[in-house]
């Protein structure tokens, strides 16, 4: 995706150090230049002065339980893709809180296109997520499913992509 699209920046995030290390490795494996680790892009004053033809690529620690509205606003996202984030019910409330906080702190900006992709491991967790989105005033629609199996694991698991309207 990083090589095909041309945004100003990509920010890959997680809260766990092992996942962050894996993200860094994947970025480097794909031949991309990695900027220093950040908790928010605003920590780097050169954020708006990056003129290279290649997009900025950052790995950021983002803890849904402790991130603040100013930290979220500093990311200035145009598109959010959250993948494999609905693996247990304990994370749902934190994720919805982050999405709700992000939607309120971007009032003067266009809301980012937001997609959540997940494997349906536990239907109750998925139901909890959509229920909590509704309580937070975040509407959603299911993206059309594709019939083609692209990966071997798709034979044994069902995936879903939701487009959220923040």
N, C-alpha and C. Protein backbone atom coordinates (compact mmCIF):
# COMPACT_ATOMS: atom_id res chain seq x y z
N UNK A 1 0.82 -1.18 0.00
CA UNK A 1 0.00 0.00 0.00
C UNK A 1 0.87 1.25 0.00
N UNK A 2 1.94 1.23 0.78
CA UNK A 2 2.80 2.41 0.88
C UNK A 2 3.41 2.78 -0.46
N UNK A 3 3.70 1.79 -1.28
CA UNK A 3 4.34 2.06 -2.57
C UNK A 3 3.33 2.43 -3.65
N UNK A 4 2.07 2.08 -3.47
CA UNK A 4 1.06 2.33 -4.50
C UNK A 4 0.31 3.64 -4.29
N UNK A 5 0.08 4.03 -3.07
CA UNK A 5 -0.64 5.26 -2.77
C UNK A 5 0.37 6.38 -2.54
N UNK A 6 -0.08 7.60 -2.62
CA UNK A 6 0.83 8.73 -2.45
C UNK A 6 0.33 9.74 -1.40
N UNK A 7 0.09 9.29 -0.18
CA UNK A 7 -0.27 10.27 0.85
C UNK A 7 0.98 11.00 1.32
N UNK A 8 0.78 12.03 2.12
CA UNK A 8 1.93 12.73 2.72
C UNK A 8 2.65 11.84 3.71
N UNK A 9 1.88 11.01 4.43
CA UNK A 9 2.49 10.21 5.50
C UNK A 9 1.66 8.97 5.79
N UNK A 10 2.34 7.97 6.29
CA UNK A 10 1.72 6.78 6.85
C UNK A 10 2.13 6.70 8.31
N UNK A 11 1.18 6.39 9.17
CA UNK A 11 1.48 6.17 10.57
C UNK A 11 0.94 4.79 10.92
N UNK A 12 1.82 3.88 11.30
CA UNK A 12 1.43 2.55 11.75
C UNK A 12 1.51 2.56 13.27
N UNK A 13 0.45 2.10 13.94
CA UNK A 13 0.44 2.23 15.39
C UNK A 13 0.00 0.95 16.08
N UNK A 14 0.41 0.87 17.33
CA UNK A 14 -0.02 -0.17 18.25
C UNK A 14 0.44 0.27 19.63
N UNK A 15 0.05 -0.46 20.66
CA UNK A 15 0.52 -0.09 22.00
C UNK A 15 1.57 -1.06 22.53
N UNK A 16 1.72 -2.21 21.90
CA UNK A 16 2.63 -3.24 22.41
C UNK A 16 3.99 -3.15 21.73
N UNK A 17 5.04 -3.22 22.52
CA UNK A 17 6.40 -3.06 21.99
C UNK A 17 6.76 -4.12 20.96
N UNK A 18 6.31 -5.34 21.14
CA UNK A 18 6.63 -6.39 20.17
C UNK A 18 5.98 -6.12 18.81
N UNK A 19 4.74 -5.66 18.84
CA UNK A 19 4.05 -5.34 17.59
C UNK A 19 4.72 -4.15 16.92
N UNK A 20 5.10 -3.15 17.71
CA UNK A 20 5.78 -1.99 17.15
C UNK A 20 7.09 -2.40 16.49
N UNK A 21 7.81 -3.30 17.11
CA UNK A 21 9.06 -3.79 16.52
C UNK A 21 8.79 -4.53 15.21
N UNK A 22 7.74 -5.32 15.18
CA UNK A 22 7.36 -6.02 13.94
C UNK A 22 6.97 -5.02 12.86
N UNK A 23 6.25 -3.97 13.23
CA UNK A 23 5.88 -2.93 12.26
C UNK A 23 7.13 -2.27 11.68
N UNK A 24 8.08 -1.94 12.55
CA UNK A 24 9.33 -1.33 12.07
C UNK A 24 10.03 -2.26 11.08
N UNK A 25 10.10 -3.53 11.43
CA UNK A 25 10.74 -4.50 10.56
C UNK A 25 10.05 -4.61 9.21
N UNK A 26 8.72 -4.61 9.21
CA UNK A 26 7.98 -4.70 7.95
C UNK A 26 8.20 -3.47 7.08
N UNK A 27 8.24 -2.30 7.70
CA UNK A 27 8.49 -1.07 6.95
C UNK A 27 9.86 -1.14 6.28
N UNK A 28 10.87 -1.53 7.04
CA UNK A 28 12.23 -1.61 6.50
C UNK A 28 12.35 -2.72 5.46
N UNK A 29 11.68 -3.84 5.69
CA UNK A 29 11.69 -4.96 4.75
C UNK A 29 11.14 -4.54 3.38
N UNK A 30 10.22 -3.60 3.40
CA UNK A 30 9.61 -3.12 2.16
C UNK A 30 10.38 -1.95 1.54
N UNK A 31 11.57 -1.68 2.06
CA UNK A 31 12.44 -0.68 1.45
C UNK A 31 12.01 0.75 1.68
N UNK A 32 11.27 1.00 2.75
CA UNK A 32 10.82 2.35 3.05
C UNK A 32 11.69 2.96 4.14
N UNK A 33 11.83 4.27 4.10
CA UNK A 33 12.58 4.98 5.13
C UNK A 33 11.68 5.21 6.32
N UNK A 34 12.18 4.90 7.49
CA UNK A 34 11.40 4.99 8.71
C UNK A 34 11.86 6.18 9.53
N UNK A 35 10.92 7.02 9.90
CA UNK A 35 11.23 8.16 10.76
C UNK A 35 11.30 7.71 12.21
N UNK A 36 11.86 8.54 13.09
CA UNK A 36 11.95 8.16 14.51
C UNK A 36 10.57 7.85 15.09
N UNK A 37 10.56 6.97 16.10
CA UNK A 37 9.31 6.62 16.77
C UNK A 37 8.67 7.86 17.36
N UNK A 38 7.34 7.88 17.33
CA UNK A 38 6.60 9.03 17.84
C UNK A 38 5.39 8.56 18.61
N UNK A 39 4.86 9.44 19.45
CA UNK A 39 3.53 9.20 20.02
C UNK A 39 2.52 10.06 19.31
N UNK A 40 2.98 11.11 18.61
CA UNK A 40 2.14 11.94 17.75
C UNK A 40 3.06 12.66 16.77
N UNK A 41 2.64 12.80 15.50
CA UNK A 41 3.50 13.43 14.51
C UNK A 41 3.88 14.86 14.84
N UNK A 42 3.10 15.56 15.64
CA UNK A 42 3.41 16.95 15.96
C UNK A 42 4.70 17.07 16.77
N UNK A 43 5.21 15.96 17.28
CA UNK A 43 6.46 16.00 18.03
C UNK A 43 7.63 16.37 17.12
N UNK A 44 7.42 16.25 15.82
CA UNK A 44 8.48 16.56 14.87
C UNK A 44 8.12 17.83 14.12
N UNK A 45 8.85 18.93 14.33
CA UNK A 45 8.50 20.19 13.69
C UNK A 45 8.55 20.13 12.17
N UNK A 46 9.28 19.20 11.60
CA UNK A 46 9.36 19.11 10.15
C UNK A 46 8.12 18.44 9.55
N UNK A 47 7.11 18.17 10.37
CA UNK A 47 5.91 17.45 9.93
C UNK A 47 5.33 18.02 8.64
N UNK A 48 5.22 19.32 8.53
CA UNK A 48 4.60 19.93 7.36
C UNK A 48 5.60 20.37 6.32
N UNK A 49 6.87 20.14 6.53
CA UNK A 49 7.86 20.60 5.58
C UNK A 49 8.49 19.45 4.81
N UNK A 50 7.97 18.27 4.93
CA UNK A 50 8.50 17.10 4.24
C UNK A 50 8.18 17.23 2.75
N UNK A 51 9.21 17.34 1.91
CA UNK A 51 9.00 17.56 0.49
C UNK A 51 9.47 16.40 -0.38
N UNK A 52 9.87 15.32 0.19
CA UNK A 52 10.35 14.19 -0.58
C UNK A 52 9.22 13.61 -1.43
N UNK A 53 9.59 12.93 -2.49
CA UNK A 53 8.57 12.29 -3.31
C UNK A 53 7.96 11.08 -2.62
N UNK A 54 8.67 10.49 -1.69
CA UNK A 54 8.12 9.34 -0.97
C UNK A 54 7.42 9.84 0.29
N UNK A 55 6.34 9.16 0.68
CA UNK A 55 5.61 9.59 1.88
C UNK A 55 6.43 9.34 3.14
N UNK A 56 6.13 10.14 4.16
CA UNK A 56 6.75 9.91 5.47
C UNK A 56 6.15 8.63 6.04
N UNK A 57 6.98 7.82 6.66
CA UNK A 57 6.53 6.57 7.26
C UNK A 57 6.97 6.57 8.72
N UNK A 58 5.99 6.45 9.62
CA UNK A 58 6.26 6.49 11.05
C UNK A 58 5.61 5.29 11.74
N UNK A 59 6.22 4.87 12.82
CA UNK A 59 5.63 3.89 13.72
C UNK A 59 5.38 4.63 15.02
N UNK A 60 4.14 4.58 15.50
CA UNK A 60 3.77 5.35 16.69
C UNK A 60 3.16 4.44 17.74
N UNK A 61 3.57 4.67 18.98
CA UNK A 61 2.92 3.97 20.08
C UNK A 61 1.61 4.68 20.36
N UNK A 62 0.52 3.92 20.35
CA UNK A 62 -0.81 4.50 20.56
C UNK A 62 -1.59 3.58 21.48
N UNK A 63 -1.71 4.00 22.72
CA UNK A 63 -2.45 3.23 23.72
C UNK A 63 -3.86 3.81 23.80
N UNK A 64 -4.85 3.04 23.40
CA UNK A 64 -6.22 3.52 23.37
C UNK A 64 -6.73 3.95 24.74
N UNK A 65 -6.15 3.43 25.80
CA UNK A 65 -6.62 3.77 27.14
C UNK A 65 -6.04 5.07 27.67
N UNK A 66 -4.94 5.54 27.10
CA UNK A 66 -4.30 6.73 27.65
C UNK A 66 -4.14 7.88 26.65
N UNK A 67 -4.39 7.64 25.37
CA UNK A 67 -4.19 8.69 24.37
C UNK A 67 -5.16 9.85 24.62
N UNK A 68 -4.68 11.07 24.38
CA UNK A 68 -5.48 12.27 24.61
C UNK A 68 -6.00 12.83 23.29
N UNK A 69 -6.99 13.70 23.38
CA UNK A 69 -7.54 14.34 22.18
C UNK A 69 -6.47 15.13 21.42
N UNK A 70 -5.61 15.93 22.09
CA UNK A 70 -4.57 16.63 21.34
C UNK A 70 -3.60 15.68 20.62
N UNK A 71 -3.29 14.55 21.25
CA UNK A 71 -2.42 13.58 20.58
C UNK A 71 -3.09 13.01 19.34
N UNK A 72 -4.37 12.70 19.44
CA UNK A 72 -5.09 12.17 18.28
C UNK A 72 -5.21 13.22 17.18
N UNK A 73 -5.52 14.45 17.56
CA UNK A 73 -5.66 15.52 16.57
C UNK A 73 -4.36 15.77 15.82
N UNK A 74 -3.24 15.56 16.48
CA UNK A 74 -1.94 15.81 15.84
C UNK A 74 -1.68 14.87 14.67
N UNK A 75 -2.32 13.72 14.65
CA UNK A 75 -2.11 12.80 13.54
C UNK A 75 -2.70 13.33 12.23
N UNK A 76 -3.76 14.13 12.31
CA UNK A 76 -4.42 14.71 11.14
C UNK A 76 -4.69 13.66 10.06
N UNK A 77 -5.40 12.60 10.39
CA UNK A 77 -5.57 11.52 9.40
C UNK A 77 -6.56 11.88 8.30
N UNK A 78 -6.27 11.43 7.11
CA UNK A 78 -7.23 11.49 6.00
C UNK A 78 -7.97 10.17 5.88
N UNK A 79 -7.25 9.08 6.17
CA UNK A 79 -7.81 7.74 6.11
C UNK A 79 -7.31 6.96 7.33
N UNK A 80 -8.21 6.21 7.93
CA UNK A 80 -7.84 5.32 9.04
C UNK A 80 -8.22 3.91 8.63
N UNK A 81 -7.26 3.01 8.72
CA UNK A 81 -7.52 1.59 8.48
C UNK A 81 -7.11 0.85 9.74
N UNK A 82 -8.09 0.31 10.43
CA UNK A 82 -7.82 -0.47 11.64
C UNK A 82 -8.03 -1.93 11.28
N UNK A 83 -6.98 -2.72 11.39
CA UNK A 83 -7.06 -4.12 10.99
C UNK A 83 -6.82 -5.03 12.18
N UNK A 84 -7.66 -6.04 12.29
CA UNK A 84 -7.54 -7.07 13.33
C UNK A 84 -7.52 -6.47 14.73
N UNK A 85 -8.47 -5.58 14.99
CA UNK A 85 -8.52 -4.91 16.29
C UNK A 85 -9.68 -5.39 17.16
N UNK A 86 -10.51 -6.29 16.67
CA UNK A 86 -11.64 -6.78 17.46
C UNK A 86 -11.42 -8.23 17.88
N UNK A 87 -10.34 -8.46 18.59
CA UNK A 87 -10.00 -9.83 18.97
C UNK A 87 -10.53 -10.20 20.35
N UNK A 88 -10.92 -9.23 21.16
CA UNK A 88 -11.51 -9.56 22.46
C UNK A 88 -12.41 -8.41 22.91
N UNK A 89 -13.45 -8.73 23.67
CA UNK A 89 -14.41 -7.70 24.08
C UNK A 89 -13.79 -6.60 24.94
N UNK A 90 -12.72 -6.90 25.64
CA UNK A 90 -12.10 -5.91 26.53
C UNK A 90 -11.55 -4.70 25.78
N UNK A 91 -11.24 -4.85 24.50
CA UNK A 91 -10.68 -3.73 23.74
C UNK A 91 -11.74 -2.87 23.06
N UNK A 92 -12.96 -3.36 22.97
CA UNK A 92 -14.00 -2.67 22.21
C UNK A 92 -14.28 -1.27 22.77
N UNK A 93 -14.50 -1.16 24.07
CA UNK A 93 -14.82 0.15 24.65
C UNK A 93 -13.70 1.15 24.44
N UNK A 94 -12.46 0.70 24.57
CA UNK A 94 -11.32 1.59 24.36
C UNK A 94 -11.25 2.06 22.91
N UNK A 95 -11.45 1.15 21.97
CA UNK A 95 -11.42 1.51 20.56
C UNK A 95 -12.52 2.52 20.23
N UNK A 96 -13.72 2.27 20.70
CA UNK A 96 -14.83 3.18 20.42
C UNK A 96 -14.57 4.54 21.06
N UNK A 97 -14.00 4.56 22.25
CA UNK A 97 -13.67 5.84 22.90
C UNK A 97 -12.67 6.63 22.05
N UNK A 98 -11.66 5.95 21.52
CA UNK A 98 -10.67 6.63 20.68
C UNK A 98 -11.34 7.18 19.42
N UNK A 99 -12.19 6.39 18.79
CA UNK A 99 -12.87 6.86 17.58
C UNK A 99 -13.78 8.05 17.87
N UNK A 100 -14.49 7.99 19.00
CA UNK A 100 -15.36 9.10 19.38
C UNK A 100 -14.54 10.35 19.69
N UNK A 101 -13.45 10.19 20.42
CA UNK A 101 -12.58 11.32 20.74
C UNK A 101 -12.01 11.92 19.46
N UNK A 102 -11.59 11.08 18.55
CA UNK A 102 -11.04 11.57 17.29
C UNK A 102 -12.10 12.35 16.51
N UNK A 103 -13.32 11.85 16.49
CA UNK A 103 -14.37 12.54 15.73
C UNK A 103 -14.69 13.91 16.32
N UNK A 104 -14.59 14.06 17.63
CA UNK A 104 -14.89 15.36 18.24
C UNK A 104 -13.73 16.33 18.15
N UNK A 105 -12.50 15.84 18.09
CA UNK A 105 -11.37 16.77 18.06
C UNK A 105 -11.03 17.22 16.64
N UNK A 106 -11.72 16.71 15.64
CA UNK A 106 -11.48 17.12 14.26
C UNK A 106 -12.64 17.93 13.70
N UNK A 107 -13.33 18.67 14.54
CA UNK A 107 -14.54 19.38 14.14
C UNK A 107 -14.34 20.30 12.94
N UNK A 108 -13.21 20.98 12.84
CA UNK A 108 -12.98 21.92 11.75
C UNK A 108 -12.39 21.26 10.51
N UNK A 109 -12.14 19.98 10.57
CA UNK A 109 -11.54 19.26 9.45
C UNK A 109 -12.53 18.24 8.91
N UNK A 110 -12.29 17.83 7.68
CA UNK A 110 -13.10 16.77 7.10
C UNK A 110 -12.82 15.48 7.88
N UNK A 111 -13.86 14.75 8.20
CA UNK A 111 -13.69 13.49 8.93
C UNK A 111 -12.92 12.50 8.06
N UNK A 112 -12.01 11.76 8.65
CA UNK A 112 -11.25 10.78 7.86
C UNK A 112 -12.14 9.63 7.41
N UNK A 113 -11.83 9.10 6.24
CA UNK A 113 -12.46 7.85 5.82
C UNK A 113 -11.93 6.77 6.76
N UNK A 114 -12.82 6.07 7.41
CA UNK A 114 -12.42 5.14 8.46
C UNK A 114 -12.96 3.75 8.18
N UNK A 115 -12.06 2.78 8.20
CA UNK A 115 -12.41 1.38 7.94
C UNK A 115 -11.88 0.51 9.07
N UNK A 116 -12.69 -0.43 9.50
CA UNK A 116 -12.27 -1.40 10.51
C UNK A 116 -12.45 -2.78 9.88
N UNK A 117 -11.34 -3.49 9.74
CA UNK A 117 -11.35 -4.84 9.16
C UNK A 117 -11.03 -5.84 10.27
N UNK A 118 -11.79 -6.92 10.31
CA UNK A 118 -11.57 -7.88 11.39
C UNK A 118 -12.04 -9.27 11.00
N UNK A 119 -11.47 -10.24 11.65
CA UNK A 119 -11.92 -11.62 11.54
C UNK A 119 -12.98 -11.83 12.61
N UNK A 120 -14.07 -12.47 12.22
CA UNK A 120 -15.14 -12.73 13.19
C UNK A 120 -14.76 -13.98 13.97
N UNK A 121 -14.13 -13.75 15.11
CA UNK A 121 -13.75 -14.85 16.00
C UNK A 121 -14.88 -15.17 16.97
N UNK A 122 -15.52 -14.09 17.43
CA UNK A 122 -16.60 -14.21 18.40
C UNK A 122 -17.70 -13.24 17.97
N UNK A 123 -18.84 -13.74 17.49
CA UNK A 123 -19.91 -12.85 17.03
C UNK A 123 -20.38 -11.87 18.11
N UNK A 124 -20.30 -12.26 19.38
CA UNK A 124 -20.73 -11.36 20.45
C UNK A 124 -19.82 -10.13 20.53
N UNK A 125 -18.53 -10.31 20.26
CA UNK A 125 -17.60 -9.17 20.27
C UNK A 125 -17.94 -8.22 19.13
N UNK A 126 -18.26 -8.75 17.97
CA UNK A 126 -18.65 -7.91 16.84
C UNK A 126 -19.94 -7.17 17.14
N UNK A 127 -20.90 -7.84 17.75
CA UNK A 127 -22.16 -7.21 18.12
C UNK A 127 -21.92 -6.11 19.15
N UNK A 128 -21.07 -6.37 20.12
CA UNK A 128 -20.72 -5.36 21.11
C UNK A 128 -20.13 -4.12 20.43
N UNK A 129 -19.24 -4.33 19.46
CA UNK A 129 -18.61 -3.22 18.75
C UNK A 129 -19.66 -2.36 18.04
N UNK A 130 -20.55 -2.97 17.29
CA UNK A 130 -21.55 -2.17 16.56
C UNK A 130 -22.53 -1.50 17.52
N UNK A 131 -22.86 -2.17 18.62
CA UNK A 131 -23.73 -1.56 19.63
C UNK A 131 -23.07 -0.34 20.25
N UNK A 132 -21.80 -0.46 20.61
CA UNK A 132 -21.07 0.66 21.22
C UNK A 132 -20.86 1.80 20.23
N UNK A 133 -20.65 1.47 18.96
CA UNK A 133 -20.56 2.53 17.94
C UNK A 133 -21.86 3.33 17.92
N UNK A 134 -22.99 2.63 17.95
CA UNK A 134 -24.28 3.32 17.96
C UNK A 134 -24.45 4.22 19.17
N UNK A 135 -24.07 3.73 20.34
CA UNK A 135 -24.16 4.53 21.56
C UNK A 135 -23.29 5.78 21.47
N UNK A 136 -22.16 5.67 20.75
CA UNK A 136 -21.23 6.80 20.62
C UNK A 136 -21.63 7.74 19.48
N UNK A 137 -22.70 7.41 18.78
CA UNK A 137 -23.14 8.26 17.67
C UNK A 137 -22.32 8.08 16.40
N UNK A 138 -21.66 6.95 16.28
CA UNK A 138 -20.85 6.66 15.10
C UNK A 138 -21.62 5.66 14.24
N UNK A 139 -22.04 6.11 13.07
CA UNK A 139 -22.76 5.18 12.19
C UNK A 139 -21.76 4.38 11.36
N UNK A 140 -22.24 3.30 10.79
CA UNK A 140 -21.36 2.40 10.04
C UNK A 140 -22.16 1.68 8.97
N UNK A 141 -21.43 1.18 8.00
CA UNK A 141 -22.03 0.32 6.98
C UNK A 141 -21.02 -0.77 6.64
N UNK A 142 -21.52 -1.94 6.34
CA UNK A 142 -20.65 -3.05 5.97
C UNK A 142 -20.19 -2.87 4.53
N UNK A 143 -18.90 -3.04 4.31
CA UNK A 143 -18.36 -2.98 2.95
C UNK A 143 -18.80 -4.24 2.21
N UNK A 144 -19.02 -4.12 0.90
CA UNK A 144 -19.41 -5.31 0.14
C UNK A 144 -18.35 -6.41 0.26
N UNK A 145 -18.81 -7.62 0.38
CA UNK A 145 -17.90 -8.77 0.49
C UNK A 145 -17.42 -9.17 -0.90
N UNK A 146 -16.23 -9.70 -0.95
CA UNK A 146 -15.73 -10.26 -2.20
C UNK A 146 -15.89 -11.77 -2.15
N UNK A 147 -16.09 -12.37 -3.29
CA UNK A 147 -16.29 -13.82 -3.34
C UNK A 147 -14.99 -14.60 -3.49
N UNK A 148 -13.96 -13.93 -3.95
CA UNK A 148 -12.69 -14.60 -4.19
C UNK A 148 -11.92 -14.77 -2.88
N UNK A 149 -11.38 -15.96 -2.68
CA UNK A 149 -10.53 -16.23 -1.51
C UNK A 149 -9.11 -15.86 -1.88
N UNK A 150 -8.57 -14.85 -1.23
CA UNK A 150 -7.23 -14.36 -1.56
C UNK A 150 -6.14 -15.04 -0.73
N UNK A 151 -6.49 -15.46 0.48
CA UNK A 151 -5.51 -16.03 1.39
C UNK A 151 -6.01 -17.38 1.89
N UNK A 152 -5.11 -18.31 2.16
CA UNK A 152 -5.53 -19.65 2.63
C UNK A 152 -6.38 -19.62 3.89
N UNK A 153 -6.08 -18.69 4.81
CA UNK A 153 -6.82 -18.67 6.07
C UNK A 153 -8.28 -18.26 5.89
N UNK A 154 -8.62 -17.67 4.74
CA UNK A 154 -10.01 -17.27 4.51
C UNK A 154 -10.95 -18.46 4.37
N UNK A 155 -10.39 -19.63 4.09
CA UNK A 155 -11.22 -20.83 3.97
C UNK A 155 -11.88 -21.18 5.30
N UNK A 156 -11.23 -20.81 6.41
CA UNK A 156 -11.69 -21.24 7.73
C UNK A 156 -12.16 -20.09 8.61
N UNK A 157 -12.15 -18.89 8.09
CA UNK A 157 -12.57 -17.76 8.92
C UNK A 157 -13.35 -16.75 8.09
N UNK A 158 -14.22 -16.06 8.76
CA UNK A 158 -15.03 -15.04 8.11
C UNK A 158 -14.49 -13.67 8.50
N UNK A 159 -14.33 -12.81 7.50
CA UNK A 159 -13.85 -11.46 7.77
C UNK A 159 -14.93 -10.46 7.42
N UNK A 160 -14.79 -9.29 7.99
CA UNK A 160 -15.75 -8.21 7.80
C UNK A 160 -14.98 -6.90 7.70
N UNK A 161 -15.47 -5.99 6.88
CA UNK A 161 -14.93 -4.63 6.83
C UNK A 161 -16.10 -3.68 7.02
N UNK A 162 -15.97 -2.81 8.00
CA UNK A 162 -16.98 -1.78 8.25
C UNK A 162 -16.42 -0.42 7.88
N UNK A 163 -17.22 0.37 7.20
CA UNK A 163 -16.87 1.77 6.94
C UNK A 163 -17.60 2.58 8.00
N UNK A 164 -16.84 3.33 8.78
CA UNK A 164 -17.43 4.13 9.85
C UNK A 164 -17.60 5.57 9.38
N UNK A 165 -18.64 6.21 9.86
CA UNK A 165 -18.87 7.62 9.56
C UNK A 165 -18.69 8.38 10.87
N UNK A 166 -17.51 9.02 11.00
CA UNK A 166 -17.18 9.74 12.24
C UNK A 166 -17.81 11.12 12.24
